[in-house]
Amino acid sequence: MKIRLGYMLSAMMFASTLAAQSLPATPYVVVRGHAERSLAPDRFEVGITVQKSSLSTSEAIAVVEEKTGQIVGNLKAAGLKPVQITATNISINPEYRYDSTTQRNVLTGNQVIRNISAKFNDKRSLQKFLAQVPAGEEIRVSGISPSLSSQKAVEAELLDAAVVDVKKQAETLLAKFGLKIIGIHSISQDAPSIGFEAKAMYRSMDVAAEPRPPLGDTLEEGQIMVRKDVYVVYLIAEK
């Protein structure tokens, strides 16, 4: 009777959609193990766009190249190495306005653009660079993306913790019903695809970062939450 009860509990949780999945015909339970850690980022990637519009393409190119040179010089002065700086090739796009009188598009100039990406190893050097960004409408700092240099190592540690957590939860749950684990049917880091309700319940997020921080001397990097989930289908039996 206890085995039947355990089986019915699983069936109630996942409804009739289980029949279409690769799940055992014998009694089982699906358990999620979870581990997470909140850490301050120690890497920052900033994007800069340099652009100029003009009827004279050569003039626009000259301005963009000059401003790009200034920015790259400032990045190097902030301590960045060439490998940490990436600049795209020049992009030239014609700009038009619609003339209602002639009902035609009229060329108003050419927009010249270069995008620069810079990766900083600490907040101090990033702040130093931001304080030296040349003023002018041709330069736009698009935002900052924080990250962790230890991302892979942290994920590996959390995966180990999630594995320990999933077995502990399964044993605790089954003990309340007089059941035990007799085997493992499947292990996955992805939630079982067993219907809309279950997908919502078991939605997995490996990395979730706080909103991008503001620019300038008041830069606050916030926290990065690293999460790992493990889903195990355990085969169960009466003790």
Protein backbone atom coordinates (compact mmCIF):
# COMPACT_ATOMS: atom_id res chain seq x y z
CA MET A 1 0.00 0.00 0.00
CA LYS A 2 2.86 2.36 0.71
CA ILE A 3 4.35 1.70 -2.71
CA ARG A 4 1.03 2.44 -4.33
CA LEU A 5 0.74 5.67 -2.37
CA GLY A 6 4.20 6.80 -3.52
CA TYR A 7 3.32 6.03 -7.12
CA MET A 8 0.03 7.93 -6.87
CA LEU A 9 1.80 10.97 -5.43
CA SER A 10 4.12 11.08 -8.43
CA ALA A 11 1.25 10.67 -10.83
CA MET A 12 -0.70 13.49 -9.22
CA MET A 13 2.29 15.84 -9.50
CA PHE A 14 2.96 15.24 -13.18
CA ALA A 15 -0.50 14.27 -14.48
CA SER A 16 -1.16 12.16 -17.54
CA THR A 17 1.66 13.74 -19.59
CA LEU A 18 4.09 11.30 -17.93
CA ALA A 19 2.85 8.51 -20.17
CA ALA A 20 4.45 10.18 -23.18
CA GLN A 21 7.84 10.61 -21.50
CA SER A 22 10.79 8.29 -21.05
CA LEU A 23 9.92 7.45 -17.45
CA PRO A 24 9.83 4.08 -15.68
CA ALA A 25 6.70 1.97 -15.39
CA THR A 26 7.67 0.97 -11.85
CA PRO A 27 7.27 3.31 -8.82
CA TYR A 28 9.52 6.35 -8.96
CA VAL A 29 9.93 9.92 -7.78
CA VAL A 30 11.40 12.97 -9.53
CA VAL A 31 13.57 15.17 -7.29
CA ARG A 32 15.43 18.40 -7.96
CA GLY A 33 18.74 19.22 -6.28
CA HIS A 34 19.68 22.89 -6.12
CA ALA A 35 22.72 24.96 -5.16
CA GLU A 36 23.47 28.65 -5.62
CA ARG A 37 26.01 31.29 -4.67
CA SER A 38 26.05 35.09 -4.87
CA LEU A 39 29.41 36.62 -5.81
CA ALA A 40 30.79 40.04 -6.63
CA PRO A 41 31.97 40.21 -10.27
CA ASP A 42 35.67 40.72 -10.92
CA ARG A 43 35.55 41.19 -14.71
CA PHE A 44 33.83 43.99 -16.61
CA GLU A 45 33.28 44.35 -20.35
CA VAL A 46 32.33 47.78 -21.67
CA GLY A 47 31.07 48.64 -25.15
CA ILE A 48 31.80 51.94 -26.90
CA THR A 49 30.32 53.14 -30.19
CA VAL A 50 32.02 55.87 -32.22
CA GLN A 51 29.91 57.35 -35.00
CA LYS A 52 29.78 60.39 -37.24
CA SER A 53 27.31 61.45 -39.95
CA SER A 54 28.32 63.75 -42.79
CA LEU A 55 27.78 64.35 -46.49
CA SER A 56 31.54 63.99 -46.76
CA THR A 57 32.40 60.35 -46.13
CA SER A 58 36.10 61.15 -45.81
CA GLU A 59 35.36 63.76 -43.14
CA ALA A 60 33.22 61.32 -41.15
CA ILE A 61 35.88 58.62 -41.40
CA ALA A 62 38.57 61.02 -40.19
CA VAL A 63 36.51 61.98 -37.13
CA VAL A 64 35.69 58.38 -36.26
CA GLU A 65 39.31 57.28 -36.65
CA GLU A 66 40.55 60.16 -34.49
CA LYS A 67 38.05 59.45 -31.71
CA THR A 68 38.73 55.70 -31.90
CA GLY A 69 42.45 56.37 -31.52
CA GLN A 70 41.80 58.49 -28.43
CA ILE A 71 39.67 55.80 -26.84
CA VAL A 72 42.16 53.01 -27.55
CA GLY A 73 44.92 55.22 -26.12
CA ASN A 74 42.87 55.76 -22.95
CA LEU A 75 42.23 52.02 -22.66
CA LYS A 76 45.93 51.29 -22.82
CA ALA A 77 46.59 54.05 -20.28
CA ALA A 78 44.09 52.33 -17.98
CA GLY A 79 46.26 49.23 -18.07
CA LEU A 80 44.56 47.11 -20.73
CA LYS A 81 46.60 44.91 -23.05
CA PRO A 82 45.88 44.67 -26.81
CA VAL A 83 44.25 41.27 -26.32
CA GLN A 84 41.64 42.93 -24.07
CA ILE A 85 40.65 45.49 -26.72
CA THR A 86 38.57 44.72 -29.79
CA ALA A 87 37.56 47.21 -32.49
CA THR A 88 35.37 46.45 -35.49
CA ASN A 89 36.11 47.63 -39.00
CA ILE A 90 34.54 50.85 -40.24
CA SER A 91 30.88 50.55 -41.23
CA ILE A 92 29.43 53.10 -43.67
CA ASN A 93 25.65 53.43 -44.06
CA PRO A 94 23.80 56.02 -46.18
CA GLU A 95 21.16 58.13 -44.42
CA TYR A 96 18.04 59.46 -46.10
CA ARG A 97 15.09 61.70 -45.37
CA TYR A 98 11.75 61.52 -47.12
CA ASP A 99 10.84 64.58 -49.21
CA SER A 100 7.07 64.85 -49.24
CA THR A 101 7.17 67.34 -52.14
CA THR A 102 9.05 65.09 -54.53
CA GLN A 103 7.89 61.92 -52.73
CA ARG A 104 11.41 60.60 -52.87
CA ASN A 105 14.13 59.70 -50.39
CA VAL A 106 16.89 62.29 -50.35
CA LEU A 107 20.42 61.43 -49.26
CA THR A 108 21.36 63.46 -46.19
CA GLY A 109 24.78 61.96 -45.56
CA ASN A 110 26.70 58.85 -44.62
CA GLN A 111 26.96 57.44 -41.14
CA VAL A 112 30.37 56.01 -40.26
CA ILE A 113 30.55 53.68 -37.25
CA ARG A 114 33.16 51.73 -35.29
CA ASN A 115 32.40 49.62 -32.24
CA ILE A 116 34.96 49.01 -29.51
CA SER A 117 34.82 46.35 -26.80
CA ALA A 118 37.15 46.43 -23.79
CA LYS A 119 37.56 43.85 -21.03
CA PHE A 120 38.69 45.10 -17.61
CA ASN A 121 40.13 42.90 -14.87
CA ASP A 122 39.02 45.17 -12.02
CA LYS A 123 36.68 48.01 -11.20
CA ARG A 124 39.41 50.53 -10.51
CA SER A 125 40.84 50.44 -14.04
CA LEU A 126 37.33 50.64 -15.47
CA GLN A 127 36.59 53.76 -13.45
CA LYS A 128 39.88 55.30 -14.57
CA PHE A 129 38.92 54.76 -18.19
CA LEU A 130 35.37 56.08 -17.80
CA ALA A 131 36.70 59.30 -16.31
CA GLN A 132 38.79 59.86 -19.46
CA VAL A 133 36.21 59.09 -22.15
CA PRO A 134 36.36 62.00 -24.65
CA ALA A 135 33.31 64.23 -24.62
CA GLY A 136 31.20 64.64 -27.74
CA GLU A 137 28.12 63.32 -29.46
CA GLU A 138 30.25 60.99 -31.58
CA ILE A 139 31.01 58.70 -28.63
CA ARG A 140 28.49 56.53 -26.80
CA VAL A 141 29.26 54.13 -23.95
CA SER A 142 26.62 51.45 -24.39
CA GLY A 143 26.88 49.66 -21.07
CA ILE A 144 28.84 47.35 -18.80
CA SER A 145 28.56 43.56 -18.60
CA PRO A 146 29.92 42.11 -15.33
CA SER A 147 31.24 38.55 -15.12
CA LEU A 148 33.29 36.17 -12.98
CA SER A 149 36.78 34.95 -13.80
CA SER A 150 36.03 31.89 -11.64
CA GLN A 151 32.71 31.11 -13.36
CA LYS A 152 33.58 27.54 -14.44
CA ALA A 153 35.13 26.63 -11.09
CA VAL A 154 32.11 27.95 -9.19
CA GLU A 155 29.71 26.08 -11.47
CA ALA A 156 31.63 22.84 -10.88
CA GLU A 157 31.44 23.31 -7.10
CA LEU A 158 27.73 24.10 -7.23
CA LEU A 159 27.04 21.06 -9.40
CA ASP A 160 28.68 18.86 -6.77
CA ALA A 161 26.58 20.55 -4.08
CA ALA A 162 23.38 20.08 -6.12
CA VAL A 163 24.14 16.35 -6.46
CA VAL A 164 24.47 16.02 -2.69
CA ASP A 165 21.28 18.05 -2.21
CA VAL A 166 19.16 15.98 -4.59
CA LYS A 167 19.97 12.69 -2.81
CA LYS A 168 19.41 14.21 0.60
CA GLN A 169 16.01 15.58 -0.44
CA ALA A 170 14.98 12.27 -1.98
CA GLU A 171 15.90 10.27 1.11
CA THR A 172 14.15 12.73 3.43
CA LEU A 173 10.97 12.74 1.34
CA LEU A 174 10.77 8.98 0.88
CA ALA A 175 11.43 8.28 4.57
CA LYS A 176 8.18 10.08 5.42
CA PHE A 177 6.28 7.49 3.38
CA GLY A 178 8.26 4.43 4.43
CA LEU A 179 10.00 4.18 1.06
CA LYS A 180 13.62 3.88 -0.08
CA ILE A 181 15.72 4.42 -3.19
CA ILE A 182 16.56 1.24 -5.09
CA GLY A 183 18.07 2.74 -8.22
CA ILE A 184 18.35 5.69 -10.58
CA HIS A 185 16.42 5.85 -13.84
CA SER A 186 17.90 9.10 -15.21
CA ILE A 187 19.96 12.16 -14.27
CA SER A 188 19.81 15.54 -16.00
CA GLN A 189 20.63 19.20 -15.47
CA ASP A 190 17.49 20.11 -17.42
CA ALA A 191 13.98 19.95 -16.03
CA PRO A 192 11.82 17.08 -17.32
CA SER A 193 9.70 18.20 -20.28
CA ILE A 194 6.43 16.86 -18.98
CA GLY A 195 3.97 19.63 -19.67
CA PHE A 196 3.60 23.39 -19.26
CA GLU A 197 2.99 23.31 -15.52
CA ALA A 198 6.07 21.23 -14.84
CA LYS A 199 8.25 23.38 -17.09
CA ALA A 200 7.21 26.43 -15.12
CA MET A 201 7.84 24.64 -11.82
CA TYR A 202 11.26 23.37 -12.80
CA ARG A 203 12.55 26.35 -14.81
CA SER A 204 16.36 26.27 -14.58
CA MET A 205 18.72 29.26 -14.60
CA ASP A 206 22.47 28.66 -14.70
CA VAL A 207 23.50 32.29 -14.36
CA ALA A 208 21.44 35.31 -13.44
CA ALA A 209 23.05 38.72 -13.08
CA GLU A 210 21.76 41.86 -11.46
CA PRO A 211 20.78 44.75 -13.79
CA ARG A 212 23.72 46.51 -15.42
CA PRO A 213 25.29 49.07 -13.11
CA PRO A 214 25.40 52.81 -13.83
CA LEU A 215 28.49 54.45 -15.31
CA GLY A 216 30.93 56.79 -13.63
CA ASP A 217 32.69 57.12 -10.30
CA THR A 218 29.64 55.78 -8.44
CA LEU A 219 29.90 52.44 -10.25
CA GLU A 220 28.46 49.61 -8.15
CA GLU A 221 29.03 46.19 -9.62
CA GLY A 222 26.22 44.45 -7.73
CA GLN A 223 26.20 40.67 -7.42
CA ILE A 224 26.09 37.73 -9.81
CA MET A 225 23.99 34.77 -8.77
CA VAL A 226 25.27 31.41 -10.02
CA ARG A 227 22.82 28.51 -9.82
CA LYS A 228 22.95 24.83 -10.64
CA ASP A 229 20.10 22.29 -10.72
CA VAL A 230 20.13 18.52 -10.97
CA TYR A 231 17.02 16.45 -11.72
CA VAL A 232 17.03 12.75 -10.82
CA VAL A 233 14.35 10.15 -11.46
CA TYR A 234 14.75 7.66 -8.62
CA LEU A 235 13.34 4.16 -8.62
CA ILE A 236 11.71 3.48 -5.27
CA ALA A 237 10.42 0.57 -3.19
CA GLU A 238 9.00 -0.17 0.24
CA LYS A 239 11.52 -0.40 3.09
